C-alpha atoms as a PDB file:
ATOM      1  CA  MET A   1      70.394  -2.055   4.724  1.00  0.00           C
ATOM      2  CA  GLU A   2      68.634  -5.134   6.084  1.00  0.00           C
ATOM      3  CA  PHE A   3      66.754  -2.893   8.524  1.00  0.00           C
ATOM      4  CA  ILE A   4      65.445  -0.688   5.689  1.00  0.00           C
ATOM      5  CA  LEU A   5      64.495  -3.736   3.615  1.00  0.00           C
ATOM      6  CA  GLY A   6      62.667  -5.255   6.567  1.00  0.00           C
ATOM      7  CA  LEU A   7      60.909  -1.955   7.199  1.00  0.00           C
ATOM      8  CA  LEU A   8      59.759  -1.750   3.555  1.00  0.00           C
ATOM      9  CA  ILE A   9      58.481  -5.329   3.634  1.00  0.00           C
ATOM     10  CA  GLY A  10      56.677  -4.581   6.867  1.00  0.00           C
ATOM     11  CA  ILE A  11      55.043  -1.469   5.369  1.00  0.00           C
ATOM     12  CA  ILE A  12      53.960  -3.447   2.282  1.00  0.00           C
ATOM     13  CA  ILE A  13      52.471  -6.231   4.412  1.00  0.00           C
ATOM     14  CA  LEU A  14      50.713  -3.678   6.643  1.00  0.00           C
ATOM     15  CA  GLY A  15      49.360  -1.862   3.554  1.00  0.00           C
ATOM     16  CA  VAL A  16      47.982  -5.123   2.114  1.00  0.00           C
ATOM     17  CA  LEU A  17      46.316  -5.996   5.434  1.00  0.00           C
ATOM     18  CA  VAL A  18      44.755  -2.527   5.726  1.00  0.00           C
ATOM     19  CA  LEU A  19      43.477  -2.755   2.130  1.00  0.00           C
ATOM     20  CA  VAL A  20      41.954  -6.217   2.648  1.00  0.00           C
ATOM     21  CA  PHE A  21      40.278  -5.330   5.940  1.00  0.00           C
ATOM     22  CA  SER A  22      39.014  -1.957   4.644  1.00  0.00           C
ATOM     23  CA  LYS A  23      37.384  -3.694   1.658  1.00  0.00           C
ATOM     24  CA  ARG A  24      35.772  -6.251   3.921  1.00  0.00           C
ATOM     25  CA  PHE A  25      34.559  -3.512   6.278  1.00  0.00           C
ATOM     26  CA  SER A  26      33.229  -1.452   3.362  1.00  0.00           C
ATOM     27  CA  LYS A  27      31.400  -4.474   1.926  1.00  0.00           C
ATOM     28  CA  HIS A  28      29.956  -5.353   5.341  1.00  0.00           C
ATOM     29  CA  LYS A  29      28.842  -1.749   5.846  1.00  0.00           C
ATOM     30  CA  SER A  30      27.176  -1.685   2.396  1.00  0.00           C
ATOM     31  CA  GLU A  31      25.367  -4.941   3.135  1.00  0.00           C
ATOM     32  CA  GLU A  32      24.142  -3.493   6.443  1.00  0.00           C
ATOM     33  CA  GLN A  33      22.924  -0.346   4.652  1.00  0.00           C
ATOM     34  CA  SER A  34      21.142  -2.560   2.122  1.00  0.00           C
ATOM     35  CA  VAL A  35      19.225  -4.359   4.881  1.00  0.00           C
ATOM     36  CA  VAL A  36      18.345  -1.048   6.579  1.00  0.00           C
ATOM     37  CA  LEU A  37      17.089   0.451   3.301  1.00  0.00           C
ATOM     38  CA  LEU A  38      14.928  -2.563   2.479  1.00  0.00           C
ATOM     39  CA  GLU A  39      13.411  -2.519   5.962  1.00  0.00           C
ATOM     40  CA  LYS A  40      12.708   1.238   5.794  1.00  0.00           C
ATOM     41  CA  ILE A  41      10.886   0.839   2.473  1.00  0.00           C
ATOM     42  CA  ARG A  42       8.865  -2.125   3.748  1.00  0.00           C
ATOM     43  CA  ASN A  43       8.032  -0.283   6.989  1.00  0.00           C
ATOM     44  CA  VAL A  44       6.289   2.426   4.960  1.00  0.00           C
ATOM     45  CA  SER A  45       3.809  -0.433   4.516  1.00  0.00           C
ATOM     46  CA  LYS A  46       1.030   1.248   2.532  1.00  0.00           C
ATOM     47  CA  MET A  47       1.201   4.489   0.613  1.00  0.00           C
ATOM     48  CA  ILE A  48      -2.057   6.305  -0.178  1.00  0.00           C
ATOM     49  CA  THR A  49      -1.941   8.160  -3.491  1.00  0.00           C
ATOM     50  CA  VAL A  50      -5.619   8.851  -4.286  1.00  0.00           C
ATOM     51  CA  GLU A  51      -8.729   9.524  -2.199  1.00  0.00           C
ATOM     52  CA  GLY A  52     -12.335   9.504  -3.365  1.00  0.00           C
ATOM     53  CA  ASP A  53     -15.712  10.245  -1.788  1.00  0.00           C
ATOM     54  CA  PHE A  54     -18.798   8.114  -2.399  1.00  0.00           C
ATOM     55  CA  SER A  55     -22.410   8.368  -1.282  1.00  0.00           C
ATOM     56  CA  GLU A  56     -24.964   5.608  -1.044  1.00  0.00           C
ATOM     57  CA  ILE A  57     -28.684   5.720  -0.248  1.00  0.00           C
ATOM     58  CA  MET A  58     -30.476   2.465   0.537  1.00  0.00           C
ATOM     59  CA  HIS A  59     -34.129   1.843   1.241  1.00  0.00           C
ATOM     60  CA  PHE A  60     -34.315  -1.155   3.542  1.00  0.00           C
ATOM     61  CA  GLU A  61     -37.549  -3.039   4.116  1.00  0.00           C
ATOM     62  CA  ASP A  62     -38.202  -6.389   5.744  1.00  0.00           C
ATOM     63  CA  VAL A  63     -41.607  -8.037   5.961  1.00  0.00           C
ATOM     64  CA  LYS A  64     -42.268 -10.851   8.376  1.00  0.00           C
ATOM     65  CA  GLY A  65     -45.413 -12.939   8.586  1.00  0.00           C
ATOM     66  CA  VAL A  66     -46.549 -14.184  12.004  1.00  0.00           C
ATOM     67  CA  LEU A  67     -49.438 -16.324  13.208  1.00  0.00           C
ATOM     68  CA  LEU A  68     -49.424 -18.468  10.052  1.00  0.00           C
ATOM     69  CA  ASN A  69     -48.893 -15.300   7.981  1.00  0.00           C
ATOM     70  CA  LEU A  70     -52.221 -13.922   9.142  1.00  0.00           C
ATOM     71  CA  VAL A  71     -50.420 -10.900  10.570  1.00  0.00           C
ATOM     72  CA  ILE A  72     -47.788  -8.976   8.612  1.00  0.00           C
ATOM     73  CA  SER A  73     -45.108  -7.104  10.529  1.00  0.00           C
ATOM     74  CA  LYS A  74     -42.887  -4.699   8.610  1.00  0.00           C
ATOM     75  CA  LYS A  75     -39.698  -2.862   9.534  1.00  0.00           C
ATOM     76  CA  LYS A  76     -37.971  -0.365   7.300  1.00  0.00           C
ATOM     77  CA  ALA A  77     -35.339   2.355   7.238  1.00  0.00           C
ATOM     78  CA  ILE A  78     -33.532   4.718   4.916  1.00  0.00           C
ATOM     79  CA  VAL A  79     -29.770   4.317   5.082  1.00  0.00           C
ATOM     80  CA  LEU A  80     -27.496   7.202   4.061  1.00  0.00           C
ATOM     81  CA  ALA A  81     -23.802   6.397   3.809  1.00  0.00           C
ATOM     82  CA  ASN A  82     -20.859   8.654   3.018  1.00  0.00           C
ATOM     83  CA  ALA A  83     -17.565   6.903   2.407  1.00  0.00           C
ATOM     84  CA  LYS A  84     -13.979   7.975   1.928  1.00  0.00           C
ATOM     85  CA  VAL A  85     -12.040   5.495  -0.187  1.00  0.00           C
ATOM     86  CA  MET A  86      -8.242   5.461  -0.141  1.00  0.00           C
ATOM     87  CA  ILE A  87      -6.333   3.867  -3.019  1.00  0.00           C
ATOM     88  CA  GLY A  88      -2.621   3.261  -3.077  1.00  0.00           C
ATOM     89  CA  PHE A  89       0.182   0.727  -3.009  1.00  0.00           C
ATOM     90  CA  ASP A  90       1.171  -1.969  -0.533  1.00  0.00           C
ATOM     91  CA  MET A  91       4.918  -1.378  -0.229  1.00  0.00           C
ATOM     92  CA  LYS A  92       5.486  -4.842   1.227  1.00  0.00           C
ATOM     93  CA  LYS A  93       4.614  -6.310  -2.174  1.00  0.00           C
ATOM     94  CA  ILE A  94       7.478  -4.475  -3.914  1.00  0.00           C
ATOM     95  CA  ARG A  95      10.295  -6.778  -4.978  1.00  0.00           C
ATOM     96  CA  LEU A  96      13.727  -5.213  -4.573  1.00  0.00           C
ATOM     97  CA  ARG A  97      17.189  -6.595  -5.301  1.00  0.00           C
ATOM     98  CA  SER A  98      20.228  -5.001  -3.704  1.00  0.00           C
ATOM     99  CA  ILE A  99      23.705  -4.703  -5.200  1.00  0.00           C
ATOM    100  CA  PRO A 100      25.761  -3.606  -2.146  1.00  0.00           C
ATOM    101  CA  GLU A 101      29.099  -3.261  -3.959  1.00  0.00           C
ATOM    102  CA  ARG A 102      27.532  -0.705  -6.309  1.00  0.00           C
ATOM    103  CA  LYS A 103      25.206   0.808  -3.703  1.00  0.00           C
ATOM    104  CA  LYS A 104      22.215   0.171  -5.905  1.00  0.00           C
ATOM    105  CA  LEU A 105      18.660  -1.056  -5.303  1.00  0.00           C
ATOM    106  CA  VAL A 106      16.840  -2.545  -8.303  1.00  0.00           C
ATOM    107  CA  VAL A 107      13.023  -2.485  -8.378  1.00  0.00           C
ATOM    108  CA  GLU A 108      12.090  -5.811  -9.986  1.00  0.00           C
ATOM    109  CA  TYR A 109       8.331  -5.603  -9.376  1.00  0.00           C
ATOM    110  CA  PHE A 110       5.956  -2.810  -8.405  1.00  0.00           C
ATOM    111  CA  PRO A 111       2.380  -3.763  -7.367  1.00  0.00           C
ATOM    112  CA  GLU A 112      -0.863  -2.627  -8.934  1.00  0.00           C
ATOM    113  CA  PRO A 113      -2.935  -0.069  -6.978  1.00  0.00           C
ATOM    114  CA  GLU A 114      -5.480  -1.456  -4.546  1.00  0.00           C
ATOM    115  CA  ILE A 115      -8.120  -0.356  -2.064  1.00  0.00           C
ATOM    116  CA  LEU A 116      -6.269   0.340   1.168  1.00  0.00           C
ATOM    117  CA  SER A 117      -9.128   1.646   3.258  1.00  0.00           C
ATOM    118  CA  ILE A 118     -12.831   2.485   3.193  1.00  0.00           C
ATOM    119  CA  GLU A 119     -14.056   4.791   5.964  1.00  0.00           C
ATOM    120  CA  THR A 120     -17.838   4.939   6.194  1.00  0.00           C
ATOM    121  CA  ASP A 121     -20.193   7.289   8.008  1.00  0.00           C
ATOM    122  CA  ILE A 122     -23.620   5.636   8.108  1.00  0.00           C
ATOM    123  CA  GLN A 123     -26.802   7.307   9.298  1.00  0.00           C
ATOM    124  CA  TYR A 124     -30.302   5.858   9.564  1.00  0.00           C
ATOM    125  CA  TYR A 125     -33.488   7.823   8.841  1.00  0.00           C
ATOM    126  CA  ASP A 126     -37.191   7.073   9.039  1.00  0.00           C
ATOM    127  CA  VAL A 127     -36.543   3.931  11.060  1.00  0.00           C
ATOM    128  CA  LYS A 128     -39.821   2.070  11.685  1.00  0.00           C
ATOM    129  CA  HIS A 129     -40.049  -1.137  13.715  1.00  0.00           C
ATOM    130  CA  GLY A 130     -42.745  -3.699  13.185  1.00  0.00           C
ATOM    131  CA  TYR A 131     -44.601  -4.813  16.279  1.00  0.00           C
ATOM    132  CA  PHE A 132     -43.333  -8.374  15.809  1.00  0.00           C
ATOM    133  CA  ASN A 133     -40.362  -7.435  13.651  1.00  0.00           C
ATOM    134  CA  LYS A 134     -37.876  -5.109  15.310  1.00  0.00           C
ATOM    135  CA  PHE A 135     -34.378  -4.096  14.245  1.00  0.00           C
ATOM    136  CA  ALA A 136     -31.666  -6.178  15.864  1.00  0.00           C
ATOM    137  CA  ALA A 137     -27.909  -5.592  16.077  1.00  0.00           C
ATOM    138  CA  SER A 138     -27.393  -8.207  13.351  1.00  0.00           C
ATOM    139  CA  ASP A 139     -29.667  -6.210  11.001  1.00  0.00           C
ATOM    140  CA  LEU A 140     -27.518  -3.098  11.394  1.00  0.00           C
ATOM    141  CA  SER A 141     -24.329  -5.124  10.938  1.00  0.00           C
ATOM    142  CA  ASN A 142     -25.681  -6.661   7.718  1.00  0.00           C
ATOM    143  CA  LEU A 143     -26.727  -3.231   6.440  1.00  0.00           C
ATOM    144  CA  ASN A 144     -23.212  -1.900   7.077  1.00  0.00           C
ATOM    145  CA  LYS A 145     -21.710  -4.817   5.128  1.00  0.00           C
ATOM    146  CA  LYS A 146     -24.170  -4.273   2.278  1.00  0.00           C
ATOM    147  CA  VAL A 147     -23.302  -0.567   2.056  1.00  0.00           C
ATOM    148  CA  ARG A 148     -19.579  -1.360   2.004  1.00  0.00           C
ATOM    149  CA  THR A 149     -20.091  -3.990  -0.738  1.00  0.00           C
ATOM    150  CA  ASN A 150     -22.073  -1.518  -2.861  1.00  0.00           C
ATOM    151  CA  ILE A 151     -19.312   1.094  -2.539  1.00  0.00           C
ATOM    152  CA  GLU A 152     -16.602  -1.453  -3.411  1.00  0.00           C
ATOM    153  CA  GLU A 153     -18.544  -2.335  -6.567  1.00  0.00           C
ATOM    154  CA  LYS A 154     -18.630   1.334  -7.579  1.00  0.00           C
ATOM    155  CA  ILE A 155     -14.855   1.835  -7.293  1.00  0.00           C
ATOM    156  CA  PRO A 156     -13.860   0.074 -10.565  1.00  0.00           C
ATOM    157  CA  GLU A 157     -16.454   2.221 -12.380  1.00  0.00           C
ATOM    158  CA  SER A 158     -14.730   5.386 -11.124  1.00  0.00           C
ATOM    159  CA  ASP A 159     -11.323   6.667 -12.240  1.00  0.00           C
ATOM    160  CA  LEU A 160      -9.672   6.150  -8.841  1.00  0.00           C
ATOM    161  CA  LEU A 161      -7.640   3.064  -9.789  1.00  0.00           C
ATOM    162  CA  THR A 162      -6.524   4.673 -13.050  1.00  0.00           C
ATOM    163  CA  SER A 163      -5.491   7.832 -11.215  1.00  0.00           C
ATOM    164  CA  ALA A 164      -3.523   5.782  -8.693  1.00  0.00           C
ATOM    165  CA  THR A 165      -1.733   3.922 -11.504  1.00  0.00           C
ATOM    166  CA  SER A 166      -0.665   7.216 -13.053  1.00  0.00           C
ATOM    167  CA  LYS A 167       0.891   8.164  -9.699  1.00  0.00           C
ATOM    168  CA  ALA A 168       2.976   4.993  -9.477  1.00  0.00           C
ATOM    169  CA  LEU A 169       6.034   6.787 -10.861  1.00  0.00           C
ATOM    170  CA  GLU A 170       5.640   9.567  -8.269  1.00  0.00           C
ATOM    171  CA  THR A 171       5.580   6.895  -5.555  1.00  0.00           C
ATOM    172  CA  VAL A 172       8.808   5.370  -6.870  1.00  0.00           C
ATOM    173  CA  LYS A 173      10.386   8.845  -6.928  1.00  0.00           C
ATOM    174  CA  ILE A 174       9.626   9.183  -3.205  1.00  0.00           C
ATOM    175  CA  ILE A 175      11.408   5.870  -2.588  1.00  0.00           C
ATOM    176  CA  GLU A 176      14.289   7.128  -4.743  1.00  0.00           C
ATOM    177  CA  GLN A 177      14.668  10.200  -2.516  1.00  0.00           C
ATOM    178  CA  MET A 178      14.633   7.986   0.581  1.00  0.00           C
ATOM    179  CA  VAL A 179      17.343   5.761  -0.909  1.00  0.00           C
ATOM    180  CA  SER A 180      19.501   8.706  -2.026  1.00  0.00           C
ATOM    181  CA  THR A 181      19.794   9.968   1.571  1.00  0.00           C
ATOM    182  CA  PHE A 182      21.954   6.874   2.203  1.00  0.00           C
ATOM    183  CA  GLY A 183      24.086   7.602  -0.857  1.00  0.00           C
ATOM    184  CA  TRP A 184      22.465   4.768  -2.837  1.00  0.00           C
ATOM    185  CA  LYS A 185      20.784   4.744  -6.245  1.00  0.00           C
ATOM    186  CA  LEU A 186      17.416   3.283  -7.183  1.00  0.00           C
ATOM    187  CA  ASP A 187      17.152   1.509 -10.538  1.00  0.00           C
ATOM    188  CA  TYR A 188      13.578   1.248 -11.847  1.00  0.00           C
ATOM    189  CA  LYS A 189      14.193   1.256 -15.597  1.00  0.00           C
ATOM    190  CA  GLY A 190      12.516  -2.119 -16.046  1.00  0.00           C
ATOM    191  CA  LEU A 191       9.123  -0.946 -14.771  1.00  0.00           C
ATOM    192  CA  LYS A 192       8.040   0.803 -18.026  1.00  0.00           C
ATOM    193  CA  PHE A 193       5.913   3.446 -16.287  1.00  0.00           C
ATOM    194  CA  GLU A 194       5.867   5.717 -19.332  1.00  0.00           C
ATOM    195  CA  GLU A 195       4.595   2.918 -21.609  1.00  0.00           C
ATOM    196  CA  LYS A 196       1.867   2.028 -19.110  1.00  0.00           C
ATOM    197  CA  ARG A 197       0.788   5.684 -18.935  1.00  0.00           C
ATOM    198  CA  LYS A 198       0.584   5.987 -22.728  1.00  0.00           C
ATOM    199  CA  ILE A 199      -1.571   2.840 -22.949  1.00  0.00           C
ATOM    200  CA  GLU A 200      -3.983   4.245 -20.332  1.00  0.00           C
ATOM    201  CA  GLN A 201      -4.284   7.560 -22.138  1.00  0.00           C
ATOM    202  CA  LYS A 202      -5.400   5.900 -25.416  1.00  0.00           C
END
């Protein structure tokens, strides 16, 4: 009788120990998954959602006076630039909060779209050097910067940023699919994507 009682007590104690350690292991595993998920999302870094093409034509002319301005030396060129602009989201700016015990990631903040990259193809035509006023490497570098600045100024006038904003929900859905492969859920109810879309459409 004492043997059976001791055996039962031993089984109960063993069951309690297994339960405690399994919960701790499960919690530790969930916390590890949480860290892995957050790192995977951040490692995506930047997600391009919209691309746009721009063209820019510049007529460059520089006049230099030499010999007390008695002699005028002029250099000029026509600059043709084609640019591909990529708009999207910097994933490192997303604020996420993990709830390991419920296997849930909560999106607390999602960034606004931004210019991720501008790729330019610049060609020069009708380049004419002045005898005392020739093109230098610094001139070409300054022209490249000027072209890029002009294109950046055109972007807000286009619908690229608006289009990227409308694709924010699609971007979150991609993250949701990534998270679901780990058996987790993504909570983004607080982002109000639908309300933002309705405001933009008015």
